[in-house]
Amino acid sequence: MSAEIQTPSQTVPLELTPNNDEASKSGMNHGESLQKIVRYDLREEGSHVLAVSLSYSENIISKSTTSGGRVRSFKKLYQFQAQPCLSVRTKASDLPSRDAGEEKRQGSGLSRYALEAQLENLADGSITLEHLTFEAKSPFRSTSLNWDVPHLDAQEIETPALAPQEVTQVAFLIEEQTPQGDELAKELTKDGRTILGVLTIRWRSAMGDPGVLSTGWLTSRRI
């Protein structure tokens, strides 16, 4: 038995679990069944095809002997559409600079940004947001302003659950950690935008299936 998945851009062989295949060694009796599980993280939108192939031989049993029959094989195709589960819209706004030491006297300072993200549930069922991270690009660091912020009363905060088409807002504070012109200077795009980092969102569906989405490089421009 083998399986592969055809995505819009490639064909990927899949591992079947459990991989200890006793049926291929000892065979299967009448009425017995064999189950395998395949796992694959969907990363592309569009049409996907799961192809499962099986080869087997039939034993011909007579009153006196048992002989092997001819080898048979067949393939089953399962086509489905992969659609995005979460929509993400982001906006990075400039904040007043945080002056430090000599830079304060010279009128310059360290850049600060507020990153806002609007998350919309595009799935047919509800989803529960589990974890948000913003991987800031050096020389920036990020601070979460969301439900995972430590609270003084130490009460456990429930993670947000989004019904279909429901929208929630999240935010991060992004601060530069080294003065401009240092060897760890900010990296700019060709059009002069400052590269801030990558936002990653993890969630689970109502059935417990995990999901993850990472944006590309998020940028902002100094005014």
C-alpha atoms as a PDB file:
ATOM      1  CA  MET A   1       0.000   0.000   0.000  1.00  0.00           C
ATOM      2  CA  SER A   2       1.280   3.487  -0.851  1.00  0.00           C
ATOM      3  CA  ALA A   3      -0.100   7.012  -0.870  1.00  0.00           C
ATOM      4  CA  GLU A   4       0.800  10.373  -2.351  1.00  0.00           C
ATOM      5  CA  ILE A   5      -0.799  13.803  -2.502  1.00  0.00           C
ATOM      6  CA  GLN A   6      -0.902  15.991  -5.588  1.00  0.00           C
ATOM      7  CA  THR A   7      -0.895  19.703  -4.715  1.00  0.00           C
ATOM      8  CA  PRO A   8      -1.211  22.586  -7.219  1.00  0.00           C
ATOM      9  CA  SER A   9       2.599  22.725  -7.442  1.00  0.00           C
ATOM     10  CA  GLN A  10       3.996  19.257  -6.699  1.00  0.00           C
ATOM     11  CA  THR A  11       3.419  15.588  -5.902  1.00  0.00           C
ATOM     12  CA  VAL A  12       4.521  14.440  -2.443  1.00  0.00           C
ATOM     13  CA  PRO A  13       4.804  10.795  -1.277  1.00  0.00           C
ATOM     14  CA  LEU A  14       3.171  10.204   2.110  1.00  0.00           C
ATOM     15  CA  GLU A  15       4.173   7.955   4.986  1.00  0.00           C
ATOM     16  CA  LEU A  16       1.616   5.388   6.098  1.00  0.00           C
ATOM     17  CA  THR A  17       1.268   4.730   9.813  1.00  0.00           C
ATOM     18  CA  PRO A  18       1.485   2.375  11.547  1.00  0.00           C
ATOM     19  CA  ASN A  19       4.347   1.166   9.351  1.00  0.00           C
ATOM     20  CA  ASN A  20       4.537  -2.382  10.743  1.00  0.00           C
ATOM     21  CA  ASP A  21       2.626  -4.089   7.966  1.00  0.00           C
ATOM     22  CA  GLU A  22       1.782  -7.601   9.152  1.00  0.00           C
ATOM     23  CA  ALA A  23      -0.731  -8.035   6.333  1.00  0.00           C
ATOM     24  CA  SER A  24       2.055  -8.042   3.730  1.00  0.00           C
ATOM     25  CA  LYS A  25       3.779 -10.873   5.617  1.00  0.00           C
ATOM     26  CA  SER A  26       0.994 -13.136   6.814  1.00  0.00           C
ATOM     27  CA  GLY A  27      -1.870 -11.996   4.583  1.00  0.00           C
ATOM     28  CA  MET A  28      -5.470 -11.261   5.520  1.00  0.00           C
ATOM     29  CA  ASN A  29      -8.287 -13.687   6.163  1.00  0.00           C
ATOM     30  CA  HIS A  30     -11.806 -13.289   4.886  1.00  0.00           C
ATOM     31  CA  GLY A  31     -13.587 -10.428   6.674  1.00  0.00           C
ATOM     32  CA  GLU A  32     -10.436  -8.806   8.058  1.00  0.00           C
ATOM     33  CA  SER A  33      -9.647  -5.140   7.455  1.00  0.00           C
ATOM     34  CA  LEU A  34      -6.493  -3.016   7.348  1.00  0.00           C
ATOM     35  CA  GLN A  35      -6.313   0.645   8.308  1.00  0.00           C
ATOM     36  CA  LYS A  36      -3.549   3.182   7.721  1.00  0.00           C
ATOM     37  CA  ILE A  37      -3.224   6.870   8.563  1.00  0.00           C
ATOM     38  CA  VAL A  38      -1.587   9.569   6.428  1.00  0.00           C
ATOM     39  CA  ARG A  39      -0.684  13.068   7.619  1.00  0.00           C
ATOM     40  CA  TYR A  40       0.139  16.139   5.563  1.00  0.00           C
ATOM     41  CA  ASP A  41       0.215  19.848   6.395  1.00  0.00           C
ATOM     42  CA  LEU A  42      -1.707  21.788   3.762  1.00  0.00           C
ATOM     43  CA  ARG A  43       0.294  24.827   2.637  1.00  0.00           C
ATOM     44  CA  GLU A  44      -1.366  25.736  -0.658  1.00  0.00           C
ATOM     45  CA  GLU A  45      -4.828  26.788  -1.699  1.00  0.00           C
ATOM     46  CA  GLY A  46      -6.659  25.045  -4.520  1.00  0.00           C
ATOM     47  CA  SER A  47      -7.381  21.523  -5.709  1.00  0.00           C
ATOM     48  CA  HIS A  48      -5.596  18.606  -4.034  1.00  0.00           C
ATOM     49  CA  VAL A  49      -5.774  14.899  -4.898  1.00  0.00           C
ATOM     50  CA  LEU A  50      -4.953  12.117  -2.449  1.00  0.00           C
ATOM     51  CA  ALA A  51      -3.959   8.968  -4.377  1.00  0.00           C
ATOM     52  CA  VAL A  52      -3.894   5.591  -2.580  1.00  0.00           C
ATOM     53  CA  SER A  53      -2.513   2.542  -4.399  1.00  0.00           C
ATOM     54  CA  LEU A  54      -2.825  -1.072  -3.296  1.00  0.00           C
ATOM     55  CA  SER A  55      -1.325  -4.265  -4.687  1.00  0.00           C
ATOM     56  CA  TYR A  56      -2.365  -7.724  -3.490  1.00  0.00           C
ATOM     57  CA  SER A  57      -2.540 -11.352  -4.546  1.00  0.00           C
ATOM     58  CA  GLU A  58      -5.410 -13.779  -4.043  1.00  0.00           C
ATOM     59  CA  ASN A  59      -4.794 -17.273  -2.739  1.00  0.00           C
ATOM     60  CA  ILE A  60      -6.805 -19.996  -4.426  1.00  0.00           C
ATOM     61  CA  ILE A  61      -7.819 -22.612  -1.861  1.00  0.00           C
ATOM     62  CA  SER A  62      -8.963 -26.065  -2.941  1.00  0.00           C
ATOM     63  CA  LYS A  63      -9.713 -29.160  -0.881  1.00  0.00           C
ATOM     64  CA  SER A  64      -6.150 -30.432  -1.123  1.00  0.00           C
ATOM     65  CA  THR A  65      -3.875 -27.447  -1.878  1.00  0.00           C
ATOM     66  CA  THR A  66      -3.478 -23.696  -1.570  1.00  0.00           C
ATOM     67  CA  SER A  67      -1.922 -21.872  -4.488  1.00  0.00           C
ATOM     68  CA  GLY A  68      -1.114 -18.237  -5.077  1.00  0.00           C
ATOM     69  CA  GLY A  69      -3.290 -16.356  -7.506  1.00  0.00           C
ATOM     70  CA  ARG A  70      -2.399 -13.512  -9.821  1.00  0.00           C
ATOM     71  CA  VAL A  71      -1.330 -10.138  -8.473  1.00  0.00           C
ATOM     72  CA  ARG A  72      -3.968  -7.425  -8.618  1.00  0.00           C
ATOM     73  CA  SER A  73      -3.730  -3.699  -7.994  1.00  0.00           C
ATOM     74  CA  PHE A  74      -5.965  -0.670  -7.971  1.00  0.00           C
ATOM     75  CA  LYS A  75      -5.793   3.037  -7.160  1.00  0.00           C
ATOM     76  CA  LYS A  76      -8.338   5.283  -5.449  1.00  0.00           C
ATOM     77  CA  LEU A  77      -8.329   9.061  -5.924  1.00  0.00           C
ATOM     78  CA  TYR A  78      -9.822  11.493  -3.411  1.00  0.00           C
ATOM     79  CA  GLN A  79     -10.085  15.077  -4.650  1.00  0.00           C
ATOM     80  CA  PHE A  80     -10.748  18.022  -2.338  1.00  0.00           C
ATOM     81  CA  GLN A  81     -10.348  21.782  -2.231  1.00  0.00           C
ATOM     82  CA  ALA A  82      -7.987  23.405   0.275  1.00  0.00           C
ATOM     83  CA  GLN A  83      -9.140  26.844   1.390  1.00  0.00           C
ATOM     84  CA  PRO A  84      -7.576  29.290   3.852  1.00  0.00           C
ATOM     85  CA  CYS A  85      -8.835  28.929   7.410  1.00  0.00           C
ATOM     86  CA  LEU A  86      -7.672  32.323   8.644  1.00  0.00           C
ATOM     87  CA  SER A  87      -7.404  35.744   7.031  1.00  0.00           C
ATOM     88  CA  VAL A  88      -4.735  38.116   8.365  1.00  0.00           C
ATOM     89  CA  ARG A  89      -4.545  41.864   7.702  1.00  0.00           C
ATOM     90  CA  THR A  90      -1.707  43.812   9.312  1.00  0.00           C
ATOM     91  CA  LYS A  91      -0.791  47.453   9.830  1.00  0.00           C
ATOM     92  CA  ALA A  92       2.432  48.818  11.350  1.00  0.00           C
ATOM     93  CA  SER A  93       2.264  52.363  12.744  1.00  0.00           C
ATOM     94  CA  ASP A  94       5.162  54.559  13.868  1.00  0.00           C
ATOM     95  CA  LEU A  95       5.350  55.515  17.528  1.00  0.00           C
ATOM     96  CA  PRO A  96       7.402  58.352  19.084  1.00  0.00           C
ATOM     97  CA  SER A  97      11.071  57.397  19.328  1.00  0.00           C
ATOM     98  CA  ARG A  98      12.461  56.156  22.622  1.00  0.00           C
ATOM     99  CA  ASP A  99      15.520  58.345  23.232  1.00  0.00           C
ATOM    100  CA  ALA A 100      18.542  56.915  25.000  1.00  0.00           C
ATOM    101  CA  GLY A 101      21.675  58.576  26.410  1.00  0.00           C
ATOM    102  CA  GLU A 102      23.694  60.600  23.933  1.00  0.00           C
ATOM    103  CA  GLU A 103      21.089  60.062  21.229  1.00  0.00           C
ATOM    104  CA  LYS A 104      18.594  61.998  23.379  1.00  0.00           C
ATOM    105  CA  ARG A 105      20.848  65.052  23.511  1.00  0.00           C
ATOM    106  CA  GLN A 106      21.425  64.835  19.765  1.00  0.00           C
ATOM    107  CA  GLY A 107      17.716  64.638  19.040  1.00  0.00           C
ATOM    108  CA  SER A 108      17.779  61.132  17.584  1.00  0.00           C
ATOM    109  CA  GLY A 109      16.427  57.945  19.169  1.00  0.00           C
ATOM    110  CA  LEU A 110      15.375  54.350  18.855  1.00  0.00           C
ATOM    111  CA  SER A 111      12.499  53.454  16.532  1.00  0.00           C
ATOM    112  CA  ARG A 112       9.248  52.060  17.911  1.00  0.00           C
ATOM    113  CA  TYR A 113       6.252  50.604  16.068  1.00  0.00           C
ATOM    114  CA  ALA A 114       2.783  49.336  16.914  1.00  0.00           C
ATOM    115  CA  LEU A 115       1.893  46.272  14.857  1.00  0.00           C
ATOM    116  CA  GLU A 116      -1.846  45.582  14.621  1.00  0.00           C
ATOM    117  CA  ALA A 117      -3.326  42.477  13.023  1.00  0.00           C
ATOM    118  CA  GLN A 118      -6.950  41.682  12.197  1.00  0.00           C
ATOM    119  CA  LEU A 119      -7.706  37.936  12.238  1.00  0.00           C
ATOM    120  CA  GLU A 120     -10.865  36.602  10.567  1.00  0.00           C
ATOM    121  CA  ASN A 121     -12.094  33.019  10.772  1.00  0.00           C
ATOM    122  CA  LEU A 122     -12.794  31.804   7.220  1.00  0.00           C
ATOM    123  CA  ALA A 123     -13.512  28.192   8.233  1.00  0.00           C
ATOM    124  CA  ASP A 124     -16.948  26.567   8.342  1.00  0.00           C
ATOM    125  CA  GLY A 125     -16.627  25.887  12.079  1.00  0.00           C
ATOM    126  CA  SER A 126     -15.221  27.680  15.086  1.00  0.00           C
ATOM    127  CA  ILE A 127     -11.485  27.854  15.823  1.00  0.00           C
ATOM    128  CA  THR A 128      -9.559  28.551  19.027  1.00  0.00           C
ATOM    129  CA  LEU A 129      -6.449  30.700  18.862  1.00  0.00           C
ATOM    130  CA  GLU A 130      -3.667  29.013  20.817  1.00  0.00           C
ATOM    131  CA  HIS A 131      -0.475  30.984  20.332  1.00  0.00           C
ATOM    132  CA  LEU A 132       0.690  34.214  18.719  1.00  0.00           C
ATOM    133  CA  THR A 133       4.355  35.031  18.181  1.00  0.00           C
ATOM    134  CA  PHE A 134       6.099  37.859  16.410  1.00  0.00           C
ATOM    135  CA  GLU A 135       9.661  36.919  15.472  1.00  0.00           C
ATOM    136  CA  ALA A 136      11.282  40.339  15.330  1.00  0.00           C
ATOM    137  CA  LYS A 137      14.214  40.842  13.003  1.00  0.00           C
ATOM    138  CA  SER A 138      17.374  42.213  14.622  1.00  0.00           C
ATOM    139  CA  PRO A 139      17.799  44.874  15.975  1.00  0.00           C
ATOM    140  CA  PHE A 140      14.121  44.855  17.005  1.00  0.00           C
ATOM    141  CA  ARG A 141      12.383  43.032  19.823  1.00  0.00           C
ATOM    142  CA  SER A 142       8.636  42.494  20.209  1.00  0.00           C
ATOM    143  CA  THR A 143       6.293  42.596  23.199  1.00  0.00           C
ATOM    144  CA  SER A 144       2.868  40.957  23.035  1.00  0.00           C
ATOM    145  CA  LEU A 145      -0.118  43.127  23.958  1.00  0.00           C
ATOM    146  CA  ASN A 146      -2.603  40.249  23.819  1.00  0.00           C
ATOM    147  CA  TRP A 147      -4.219  37.699  26.142  1.00  0.00           C
ATOM    148  CA  ASP A 148      -0.851  36.099  26.942  1.00  0.00           C
ATOM    149  CA  VAL A 149       0.380  39.225  28.777  1.00  0.00           C
ATOM    150  CA  PRO A 150       1.075  38.329  32.466  1.00  0.00           C
ATOM    151  CA  HIS A 151      -1.642  39.638  34.787  1.00  0.00           C
ATOM    152  CA  LEU A 152      -1.106  40.833  38.344  1.00  0.00           C
ATOM    153  CA  ASP A 153      -3.988  38.728  39.674  1.00  0.00           C
ATOM    154  CA  ALA A 154      -2.415  35.596  38.098  1.00  0.00           C
ATOM    155  CA  GLN A 155      -5.805  34.443  36.831  1.00  0.00           C
ATOM    156  CA  GLU A 156      -5.813  32.038  33.907  1.00  0.00           C
ATOM    157  CA  ILE A 157      -6.942  33.793  30.735  1.00  0.00           C
ATOM    158  CA  GLU A 158      -8.960  31.820  28.196  1.00  0.00           C
ATOM    159  CA  THR A 159      -7.669  31.927  24.648  1.00  0.00           C
ATOM    160  CA  PRO A 160     -10.045  33.525  22.113  1.00  0.00           C
ATOM    161  CA  ALA A 161     -12.485  31.342  20.172  1.00  0.00           C
ATOM    162  CA  LEU A 162     -13.722  32.651  16.818  1.00  0.00           C
ATOM    163  CA  ALA A 163     -17.018  31.633  15.247  1.00  0.00           C
ATOM    164  CA  PRO A 164     -17.206  31.489  11.411  1.00  0.00           C
ATOM    165  CA  GLN A 165     -16.652  34.975   9.914  1.00  0.00           C
ATOM    166  CA  GLU A 166     -15.833  36.400  13.367  1.00  0.00           C
ATOM    167  CA  VAL A 167     -12.980  38.922  13.593  1.00  0.00           C
ATOM    168  CA  THR A 168     -10.558  39.748  16.416  1.00  0.00           C
ATOM    169  CA  GLN A 169      -7.706  42.232  16.797  1.00  0.00           C
ATOM    170  CA  VAL A 170      -4.211  41.539  18.155  1.00  0.00           C
ATOM    171  CA  ALA A 171      -1.226  43.830  18.635  1.00  0.00           C
ATOM    172  CA  PHE A 172       2.513  43.885  19.355  1.00  0.00           C
ATOM    173  CA  LEU A 173       4.904  46.622  20.459  1.00  0.00           C
ATOM    174  CA  ILE A 174       8.109  46.551  18.393  1.00  0.00           C
ATOM    175  CA  GLU A 175      11.155  48.424  19.687  1.00  0.00           C
ATOM    176  CA  GLU A 176      14.622  48.954  18.262  1.00  0.00           C
ATOM    177  CA  GLN A 177      17.358  47.765  20.613  1.00  0.00           C
ATOM    178  CA  THR A 178      20.465  49.388  19.103  1.00  0.00           C
ATOM    179  CA  PRO A 179      21.076  52.985  17.953  1.00  0.00           C
ATOM    180  CA  GLN A 180      20.717  53.698  14.249  1.00  0.00           C
ATOM    181  CA  GLY A 181      24.054  53.393  12.448  1.00  0.00           C
ATOM    182  CA  ASP A 182      25.293  50.583  14.695  1.00  0.00           C
ATOM    183  CA  GLU A 183      26.622  47.376  13.071  1.00  0.00           C
ATOM    184  CA  LEU A 184      23.212  45.799  13.762  1.00  0.00           C
ATOM    185  CA  ALA A 185      21.437  48.505  11.776  1.00  0.00           C
ATOM    186  CA  LYS A 186      17.905  47.996  10.524  1.00  0.00           C
ATOM    187  CA  GLU A 187      17.488  46.122   7.261  1.00  0.00           C
ATOM    188  CA  LEU A 188      15.591  47.956   4.538  1.00  0.00           C
ATOM    189  CA  THR A 189      13.740  46.777   1.455  1.00  0.00           C
ATOM    190  CA  LYS A 190      14.510  48.192  -1.986  1.00  0.00           C
ATOM    191  CA  ASP A 191      11.784  50.811  -1.595  1.00  0.00           C
ATOM    192  CA  GLY A 192      13.132  51.958   1.767  1.00  0.00           C
ATOM    193  CA  ARG A 193      10.773  50.113   4.106  1.00  0.00           C
ATOM    194  CA  THR A 194      12.068  48.823   7.427  1.00  0.00           C
ATOM    195  CA  ILE A 195      11.821  45.033   7.856  1.00  0.00           C
ATOM    196  CA  LEU A 196      10.254  44.308  11.255  1.00  0.00           C
ATOM    197  CA  GLY A 197       9.715  40.535  11.399  1.00  0.00           C
ATOM    198  CA  VAL A 198       7.275  37.646  10.872  1.00  0.00           C
ATOM    199  CA  LEU A 199       3.936  37.008  12.577  1.00  0.00           C
ATOM    200  CA  THR A 200       2.957  33.378  13.317  1.00  0.00           C
ATOM    201  CA  ILE A 201      -0.514  32.280  14.449  1.00  0.00           C
ATOM    202  CA  ARG A 202      -1.408  28.813  15.754  1.00  0.00           C
ATOM    203  CA  TRP A 203      -4.965  27.552  16.319  1.00  0.00           C
ATOM    204  CA  ARG A 204      -7.125  24.445  16.620  1.00  0.00           C
ATOM    205  CA  SER A 205     -10.399  23.639  14.935  1.00  0.00           C
ATOM    206  CA  ALA A 206     -13.540  22.503  16.748  1.00  0.00           C
ATOM    207  CA  MET A 207     -12.407  18.895  16.091  1.00  0.00           C
ATOM    208  CA  GLY A 208      -8.953  19.544  17.553  1.00  0.00           C
ATOM    209  CA  ASP A 209      -7.073  19.722  14.241  1.00  0.00           C
ATOM    210  CA  PRO A 210      -4.047  22.062  14.528  1.00  0.00           C
ATOM    211  CA  GLY A 211      -3.403  24.918  12.111  1.00  0.00           C
ATOM    212  CA  VAL A 212      -0.549  27.364  11.655  1.00  0.00           C
ATOM    213  CA  LEU A 213      -0.035  30.441   9.485  1.00  0.00           C
ATOM    214  CA  SER A 214       3.092  32.575   9.079  1.00  0.00           C
ATOM    215  CA  THR A 215       3.146  35.875   7.232  1.00  0.00           C
ATOM    216  CA  GLY A 216       5.952  37.088   5.029  1.00  0.00           C
ATOM    217  CA  TRP A 217       8.302  39.827   6.190  1.00  0.00           C
ATOM    218  CA  LEU A 218       6.208  42.645   7.667  1.00  0.00           C
ATOM    219  CA  THR A 219       7.530  46.140   7.051  1.00  0.00           C
ATOM    220  CA  SER A 220       6.950  49.762   7.977  1.00  0.00           C
ATOM    221  CA  ARG A 221       8.305  53.071   6.738  1.00  0.00           C
ATOM    222  CA  ARG A 222       9.596  55.913   8.851  1.00  0.00           C
ATOM    223  CA  ILE A 223       7.700  59.137   8.297  1.00  0.00           C
END
